[in-house]
């Protein structure tokens, strides 16, 4: 009897020792279940994140539409800043370029000059021969200016018969020499309308661009210098000696407006 009792007690002790091992193995099964669940969730998320072929096609179509819209915006902006007759910048476009140039000059201590040109005798040509003749004169003047400047320089039309040229990296002496060369090139132009030979001409004013310049001030300075130059040319055409403070330029024939 005593042996049976001892055997039963020994079996119970073994069962108690084996119980923790069973309990330890249980969490392992639960971990495996959670791992499988996480993997399944990740697969579902990846499936949800993948784009269907129709979605990819829609994205490509929207990107193409956006590119066309951006190109159209750039085209409209360019047209709003371009003179359609002469294919150069209008006043708005030229002033934008002048603002950018002044910012560059202020930042990098660069040099530049602004020349404003006013066409002489354009109104009499328009009145006598029509605006088509005046347009021909303006186109020839733009071509003459383009031949005298570099590709990096900027040409613009500020108004009906007023042009501006933005020049880079030159001294004041060089800028004034360039203004005289532009006057000479335009003075050499001749036109024949209805059997009559006519010429135009131009008066140029110069303003030097510095780190302290601003758009309104430099335009006003060049404009005032141009009117001084126009008065000098008028005096020259009438045989009156020019102001010693001005720069030399070929004399033009006829009375300037």
Protein backbone atom coordinates (compact mmCIF):
# COMPACT_ATOMS: atom_id res chain seq x y z
CA UNK A 1 0.00 0.00 0.00
CA UNK A 2 2.81 2.30 0.94
CA UNK A 3 4.53 1.53 -2.40
CA UNK A 4 1.37 2.40 -4.32
CA UNK A 5 1.07 5.71 -2.48
CA UNK A 6 4.69 6.59 -3.24
CA UNK A 7 4.25 5.68 -6.92
CA UNK A 8 1.16 7.87 -7.18
CA UNK A 9 3.00 10.78 -5.56
CA UNK A 10 5.95 10.34 -7.94
CA UNK A 11 3.62 10.36 -10.98
CA UNK A 12 1.91 13.52 -9.74
CA UNK A 13 5.28 15.22 -9.30
CA UNK A 14 6.26 14.31 -12.87
CA UNK A 15 2.99 15.70 -14.16
CA UNK A 16 3.58 18.94 -12.26
CA UNK A 17 7.09 19.25 -13.78
CA UNK A 18 5.74 18.62 -17.27
CA UNK A 19 2.97 21.24 -16.97
CA UNK A 20 5.20 24.38 -17.32
CA UNK A 21 6.72 22.98 -20.51
CA UNK A 22 3.26 22.60 -21.95
CA UNK A 23 2.38 26.11 -20.86
CA UNK A 24 5.63 27.44 -22.44
CA UNK A 25 4.83 25.83 -25.74
CA UNK A 26 1.40 27.49 -25.91
CA UNK A 27 2.70 31.02 -26.46
CA UNK A 28 4.81 29.74 -29.33
CA UNK A 29 1.69 28.65 -31.10
CA UNK A 30 0.05 32.03 -30.51
CA UNK A 31 3.21 33.82 -31.82
CA UNK A 32 3.09 31.78 -34.96
CA UNK A 33 -0.55 32.77 -35.43
CA UNK A 34 0.23 36.46 -34.95
CA UNK A 35 3.16 36.23 -37.45
CA UNK A 36 0.90 34.66 -40.00
CA UNK A 37 -1.72 37.36 -39.38
CA UNK A 38 0.86 40.17 -39.79
CA UNK A 39 2.12 38.65 -43.03
CA UNK A 40 -1.39 38.39 -44.34
CA UNK A 41 -2.09 42.02 -43.37
CA UNK A 42 1.09 43.14 -45.13
CA UNK A 43 0.08 41.25 -48.26
CA UNK A 44 -3.33 42.93 -48.20
CA UNK A 45 -1.71 46.37 -47.71
CA UNK A 46 0.67 45.75 -50.60
CA UNK A 47 -2.28 44.70 -52.72
CA UNK A 48 -4.15 47.87 -51.81
CA UNK A 49 -1.01 50.04 -52.60
CA UNK A 50 -0.48 48.55 -56.06
CA UNK A 51 -1.89 50.62 -58.96
CA UNK A 52 -4.28 49.05 -61.37
CA UNK A 53 -3.45 49.46 -65.09
CA UNK A 54 -6.36 51.87 -65.44
CA UNK A 55 -4.94 54.05 -62.63
CA UNK A 56 -1.54 54.20 -64.32
CA UNK A 57 -3.19 55.23 -67.57
CA UNK A 58 -5.09 58.00 -65.76
CA UNK A 59 -1.89 59.32 -64.15
CA UNK A 60 -0.11 59.41 -67.51
CA UNK A 61 -3.05 61.26 -69.06
CA UNK A 62 -3.16 63.83 -66.24
CA UNK A 63 0.59 64.42 -66.47
CA UNK A 64 0.30 65.03 -70.21
CA UNK A 65 -2.56 67.48 -69.64
CA UNK A 66 -0.51 69.31 -66.99
CA UNK A 67 2.49 69.57 -69.35
CA UNK A 68 0.26 71.00 -72.10
CA UNK A 69 -1.28 73.51 -69.68
CA UNK A 70 2.16 74.65 -68.48
CA UNK A 71 3.36 75.04 -72.07
CA UNK A 72 0.25 77.09 -72.89
CA UNK A 73 0.83 79.34 -69.87
CA UNK A 74 4.42 79.95 -70.99
CA UNK A 75 3.20 80.66 -74.52
CA UNK A 76 0.63 83.18 -73.30
CA UNK A 77 3.19 84.85 -71.04
CA UNK A 78 5.63 85.13 -73.93
CA UNK A 79 2.97 86.58 -76.23
CA UNK A 80 1.96 89.14 -73.61
CA UNK A 81 5.58 90.37 -73.50
CA UNK A 82 6.29 90.35 -77.25
CA UNK A 83 5.72 93.00 -79.91
CA UNK A 84 3.86 91.09 -82.64
CA UNK A 85 4.93 93.37 -85.48
CA UNK A 86 8.65 93.37 -84.73
CA UNK A 87 9.10 90.09 -82.80
CA UNK A 88 11.02 91.74 -79.97
CA UNK A 89 10.10 92.42 -76.35
CA UNK A 90 7.41 95.00 -75.68
CA UNK A 91 7.66 97.42 -72.78
CA UNK A 92 6.36 94.90 -70.26
CA UNK A 93 8.80 92.22 -71.34
CA UNK A 94 11.73 94.61 -71.54
CA UNK A 95 11.09 96.02 -68.07
CA UNK A 96 10.97 92.47 -66.69
CA UNK A 97 14.37 91.77 -68.24
CA UNK A 98 15.68 95.07 -66.90
CA UNK A 99 14.56 94.15 -63.37
CA UNK A 100 16.34 90.80 -63.61
CA UNK A 101 19.47 92.46 -64.98
CA UNK A 102 19.60 95.04 -62.19
CA UNK A 103 19.26 92.27 -59.61
CA UNK A 104 22.17 90.43 -61.22
CA UNK A 105 24.28 93.62 -61.32
CA UNK A 106 23.60 94.33 -57.65
CA UNK A 107 24.45 90.79 -56.59
CA UNK A 108 27.58 90.24 -58.68
CA UNK A 109 28.82 93.83 -59.13
CA UNK A 110 28.50 93.51 -62.89
CA UNK A 111 28.29 96.40 -65.35
CA UNK A 112 25.78 97.36 -67.99
CA UNK A 113 24.10 100.21 -69.83
CA UNK A 114 20.67 101.16 -71.10
CA UNK A 115 20.24 102.97 -74.42
CA UNK A 116 16.89 104.51 -75.32
CA UNK A 117 16.34 105.32 -79.01
CA UNK A 118 13.62 107.57 -80.38
CA UNK A 119 12.96 107.31 -84.12
CA UNK A 120 13.05 110.64 -85.96
CA UNK A 121 10.54 111.59 -88.66
CA UNK A 122 8.39 108.47 -88.28
CA UNK A 123 5.14 110.44 -87.96
CA UNK A 124 5.67 112.39 -91.23
CA UNK A 125 6.34 109.06 -93.00
CA UNK A 126 3.13 107.58 -91.57
CA UNK A 127 1.15 110.66 -92.55
CA UNK A 128 2.55 110.84 -96.08
CA UNK A 129 2.77 107.17 -97.04
CA UNK A 130 0.58 105.27 -94.56
CA UNK A 131 1.24 103.05 -91.60
CA UNK A 132 2.42 100.17 -93.79
CA UNK A 133 5.36 102.35 -94.79
CA UNK A 134 5.96 103.23 -91.14
CA UNK A 135 5.94 99.53 -90.23
CA UNK A 136 8.57 98.88 -92.90
CA UNK A 137 10.76 101.59 -91.41
CA UNK A 138 10.40 100.13 -87.91
CA UNK A 139 11.34 96.64 -89.09
CA UNK A 140 14.43 97.97 -90.86
CA UNK A 141 15.43 99.87 -87.72
CA UNK A 142 15.13 96.76 -85.56
CA UNK A 143 17.28 94.86 -88.06
CA UNK A 144 19.90 97.63 -87.97
CA UNK A 145 19.95 97.59 -84.16
CA UNK A 146 20.26 93.80 -84.09
CA UNK A 147 23.29 93.98 -86.37
CA UNK A 148 25.02 96.30 -83.90
CA UNK A 149 24.50 94.37 -80.65
CA UNK A 150 25.46 90.99 -79.25
CA UNK A 151 23.21 87.98 -78.79
CA UNK A 152 23.36 88.50 -75.01
CA UNK A 153 22.03 92.06 -75.30
CA UNK A 154 18.31 92.73 -75.13
CA UNK A 155 16.21 94.82 -77.54
CA UNK A 156 12.74 96.07 -76.71
CA UNK A 157 10.08 98.42 -78.03
CA UNK A 158 8.96 100.82 -75.31
CA UNK A 159 6.33 102.60 -77.38
CA UNK A 160 5.30 103.52 -80.90
CA UNK A 161 8.64 104.93 -82.09
CA UNK A 162 10.78 104.38 -79.00
CA UNK A 163 13.18 101.48 -78.51
CA UNK A 164 15.55 100.37 -75.76
CA UNK A 165 18.70 98.28 -75.75
CA UNK A 166 20.12 96.59 -72.64
CA UNK A 167 23.88 96.09 -72.95
CA UNK A 168 26.10 93.92 -70.73
CA UNK A 169 29.68 94.28 -69.52
CA UNK A 170 30.86 97.54 -71.02
CA UNK A 171 32.17 100.85 -69.76
CA UNK A 172 30.40 104.20 -69.99
CA UNK A 173 32.71 105.21 -72.85
CA UNK A 174 31.87 102.03 -74.74
CA UNK A 175 28.15 102.53 -74.08
CA UNK A 176 28.21 106.05 -75.53
CA UNK A 177 30.23 104.85 -78.52
CA UNK A 178 27.62 102.13 -79.08
CA UNK A 179 24.83 104.72 -78.92
CA UNK A 180 26.60 106.78 -81.58
CA UNK A 181 27.05 103.65 -83.73
CA UNK A 182 23.33 102.87 -83.44
CA UNK A 183 22.43 106.39 -84.51
CA UNK A 184 24.78 106.13 -87.49
CA UNK A 185 23.40 102.74 -88.56
CA UNK A 186 19.81 104.02 -88.47
CA UNK A 187 20.73 107.31 -90.19
CA UNK A 188 22.13 105.32 -93.12
CA UNK A 189 18.77 103.66 -93.79
CA UNK A 190 16.85 104.96 -96.82
CA UNK A 191 13.45 103.99 -98.16
CA UNK A 192 11.55 104.56 -101.37
CA UNK A 193 7.78 105.04 -101.08
CA UNK A 194 5.71 106.01 -104.12
CA UNK A 195 8.83 107.06 -105.94
CA UNK A 196 10.07 109.27 -103.11
CA UNK A 197 13.30 108.52 -101.27
CA UNK A 198 13.04 109.16 -97.53
CA UNK A 199 15.09 108.50 -94.41
CA UNK A 200 14.27 108.32 -90.72
CA UNK A 201 17.08 108.51 -88.18
CA UNK A 202 17.15 108.13 -84.40
CA UNK A 203 18.31 109.95 -81.28
CA UNK A 204 19.93 107.88 -78.51
CA UNK A 205 20.20 108.48 -74.77
CA UNK A 206 22.41 106.49 -72.40
CA UNK A 207 22.09 105.52 -68.74
CA UNK A 208 24.73 103.46 -66.93
CA UNK A 209 23.49 100.60 -64.77
CA UNK A 210 24.98 100.33 -61.29
CA UNK A 211 24.25 98.52 -58.05
CA UNK A 212 22.21 101.55 -56.95
CA UNK A 213 20.02 101.77 -60.07
CA UNK A 214 16.31 100.99 -60.12
CA UNK A 215 14.04 100.46 -63.11
CA UNK A 216 12.08 103.71 -63.03
CA UNK A 217 15.12 105.88 -62.35
CA UNK A 218 17.31 104.35 -65.06
CA UNK A 219 14.54 104.51 -67.67
CA UNK A 220 13.90 108.15 -66.79
CA UNK A 221 17.62 108.95 -66.96
CA UNK A 222 18.01 107.37 -70.40
CA UNK A 223 14.81 109.02 -71.62
CA UNK A 224 15.96 112.49 -70.53
CA UNK A 225 19.36 111.92 -72.14
CA UNK A 226 17.60 110.92 -75.36
CA UNK A 227 15.63 114.18 -75.46
CA UNK A 228 18.82 116.15 -74.89
CA UNK A 229 20.40 114.25 -77.76
CA UNK A 230 17.37 114.92 -79.98
CA UNK A 231 17.73 118.66 -79.35
CA UNK A 232 21.44 118.45 -80.24
CA UNK A 233 20.66 116.70 -83.51
CA UNK A 234 18.04 119.28 -84.34
CA UNK A 235 20.61 122.01 -83.85
CA UNK A 236 23.13 120.07 -85.93
CA UNK A 237 20.65 119.76 -88.80
CA UNK A 238 20.20 123.54 -88.70
CA UNK A 239 23.97 124.14 -88.76
CA UNK A 240 24.27 125.08 -85.09
CA UNK A 241 27.33 123.61 -83.33
CA UNK A 242 26.49 120.84 -80.92
CA UNK A 243 26.84 121.05 -77.16
CA UNK A 244 30.43 120.11 -76.21
CA UNK A 245 29.02 117.81 -73.51
CA UNK A 246 27.39 115.55 -76.08
CA UNK A 247 28.96 112.77 -78.11
CA UNK A 248 29.51 112.98 -81.84
CA UNK A 249 27.13 111.39 -84.31
CA UNK A 250 26.53 111.86 -88.03
CA UNK A 251 24.40 114.82 -88.99
CA UNK A 252 20.99 114.00 -90.33
CA UNK A 253 19.13 115.77 -93.09
CA UNK A 254 15.77 117.40 -92.57
CA UNK A 255 14.06 118.82 -89.54
CA UNK A 256 13.50 116.46 -86.65
CA UNK A 257 10.07 116.34 -85.02
